[in-house]
Protein backbone atom coordinates (compact mmCIF):
# COMPACT_ATOMS: atom_id res chain seq x y z
CA MET A 1 -21.22 -16.28 -4.45
CA SER A 2 -18.40 -18.65 -5.24
CA ILE A 3 -14.84 -17.88 -4.22
CA ASP A 4 -13.79 -17.49 -7.86
CA ARG A 5 -16.46 -14.86 -8.49
CA LYS A 6 -15.52 -13.09 -5.28
CA VAL A 7 -11.85 -13.00 -6.30
CA VAL A 8 -12.74 -11.66 -9.74
CA ARG A 9 -14.94 -8.95 -8.25
CA GLN A 10 -12.18 -7.95 -5.84
CA ARG A 11 -9.67 -7.84 -8.66
CA ILE A 12 -11.93 -5.69 -10.81
CA GLU A 13 -12.51 -3.28 -7.95
CA ARG A 14 -8.78 -2.97 -7.25
CA ILE A 15 -8.02 -2.33 -10.94
CA ARG A 16 -10.78 0.29 -11.03
CA GLN A 17 -9.25 1.99 -8.02
CA VAL A 18 -5.83 2.19 -9.68
CA LEU A 19 -7.32 3.46 -12.93
CA PHE A 20 -9.25 6.22 -11.16
CA ALA A 21 -6.59 7.18 -8.64
CA ASP A 22 -3.52 7.03 -10.87
CA TRP A 23 -4.57 7.20 -14.53
CA ASP A 24 -8.06 8.78 -15.09
CA PRO A 25 -7.52 10.53 -18.46
CA LEU A 26 -11.09 11.90 -18.42
CA GLN A 27 -10.65 13.23 -14.88
CA VAL A 28 -13.90 11.73 -13.66
CA GLY A 29 -12.57 9.89 -10.62
CA SER A 30 -13.88 12.43 -8.16
CA ASN A 31 -17.47 11.90 -9.37
CA PRO A 32 -18.98 8.75 -7.78
CA ASN A 33 -21.74 8.77 -10.43
CA LEU A 34 -19.10 7.98 -13.05
CA SER A 35 -17.38 5.14 -11.20
CA ASP A 36 -18.09 2.80 -14.12
CA GLU A 37 -16.68 5.12 -16.79
CA TYR A 38 -13.77 2.83 -17.70
CA ASP A 39 -15.52 -0.50 -17.11
CA SER A 40 -15.83 -1.27 -20.82
CA TYR A 41 -12.03 -1.22 -20.98
CA LEU A 42 -11.47 -3.53 -18.00
CA PRO A 43 -11.24 -6.70 -20.14
CA LYS A 44 -8.43 -5.11 -22.21
CA VAL A 45 -6.60 -3.95 -19.10
CA MET A 46 -7.02 -7.32 -17.39
CA ALA A 47 -5.75 -9.14 -20.50
CA ALA A 48 -2.72 -6.84 -20.63
CA ILE A 49 -2.00 -7.52 -16.96
CA ASP A 50 -2.32 -11.28 -17.46
CA THR A 51 -0.37 -11.61 -20.69
CA GLY A 52 2.31 -9.01 -20.71
CA GLY A 53 4.68 -6.88 -18.88
CA ALA A 54 4.56 -3.24 -18.03
CA GLU A 55 5.16 -2.12 -21.63
CA GLY A 56 2.13 -4.06 -22.83
CA ILE A 57 -0.03 -2.40 -20.21
CA VAL A 58 1.34 1.01 -21.19
CA ASP A 59 0.48 0.31 -24.83
CA THR A 60 -3.04 -0.70 -23.78
CA LEU A 61 -3.54 2.47 -21.73
CA VAL A 62 -2.29 4.62 -24.61
CA GLN A 63 -4.71 2.87 -26.98
CA ILE A 64 -7.59 3.43 -24.56
CA GLU A 65 -6.67 7.11 -24.27
CA ASP A 66 -6.78 7.33 -28.04
CA ASP A 67 -10.17 5.55 -28.10
CA LEU A 68 -11.45 8.05 -25.52
CA GLY A 69 -10.35 10.94 -27.72
CA VAL A 70 -7.87 12.39 -25.26
CA ASP A 71 -4.28 13.20 -26.04
CA PRO A 72 -2.20 10.22 -24.95
CA VAL A 73 0.32 10.88 -22.21
CA ASP A 74 3.67 11.71 -23.76
CA ASP A 75 5.57 10.66 -20.66
CA ARG A 76 5.61 6.87 -20.69
CA THR A 77 7.41 6.94 -17.34
CA ALA A 78 4.18 7.94 -15.60
CA LEU A 79 2.29 5.17 -17.40
CA LEU A 80 5.00 2.65 -16.50
CA SER A 81 4.46 3.48 -12.85
CA ILE A 82 0.74 2.83 -13.24
CA ALA A 83 1.47 -0.40 -15.13
CA ARG A 84 3.66 -1.63 -12.29
CA ARG A 85 0.86 -0.96 -9.81
CA LEU A 86 -1.51 -2.90 -12.02
CA LEU A 87 0.93 -5.80 -12.28
CA GLU A 88 0.94 -6.02 -8.50
CA LEU A 89 -2.77 -6.88 -8.75
CA ARG A 90 -2.21 -10.19 -10.52
CA PHE A 91 -4.16 -12.99 -8.98
CA PRO A 92 -3.34 -16.68 -9.17
């Protein structure tokens, strides 16, 4: 496996960890059989991390919550905290 692929895999895994530990609108994080539940949204989340600030990530998470059919979090402060954690995962 090339270094680039390894870095991408590590990044994906770290983003998944944040999504399950800190966001998890479907509350499936405790079920290891559902560890890929949000994978289809990873490209959107990664793009938001790479192109925007915390507010862009918050908007993306709210949109995903809407797509999932759950009530979006009213408290953007909580989502901003998650967005900041995700921004810390930027890779060169």
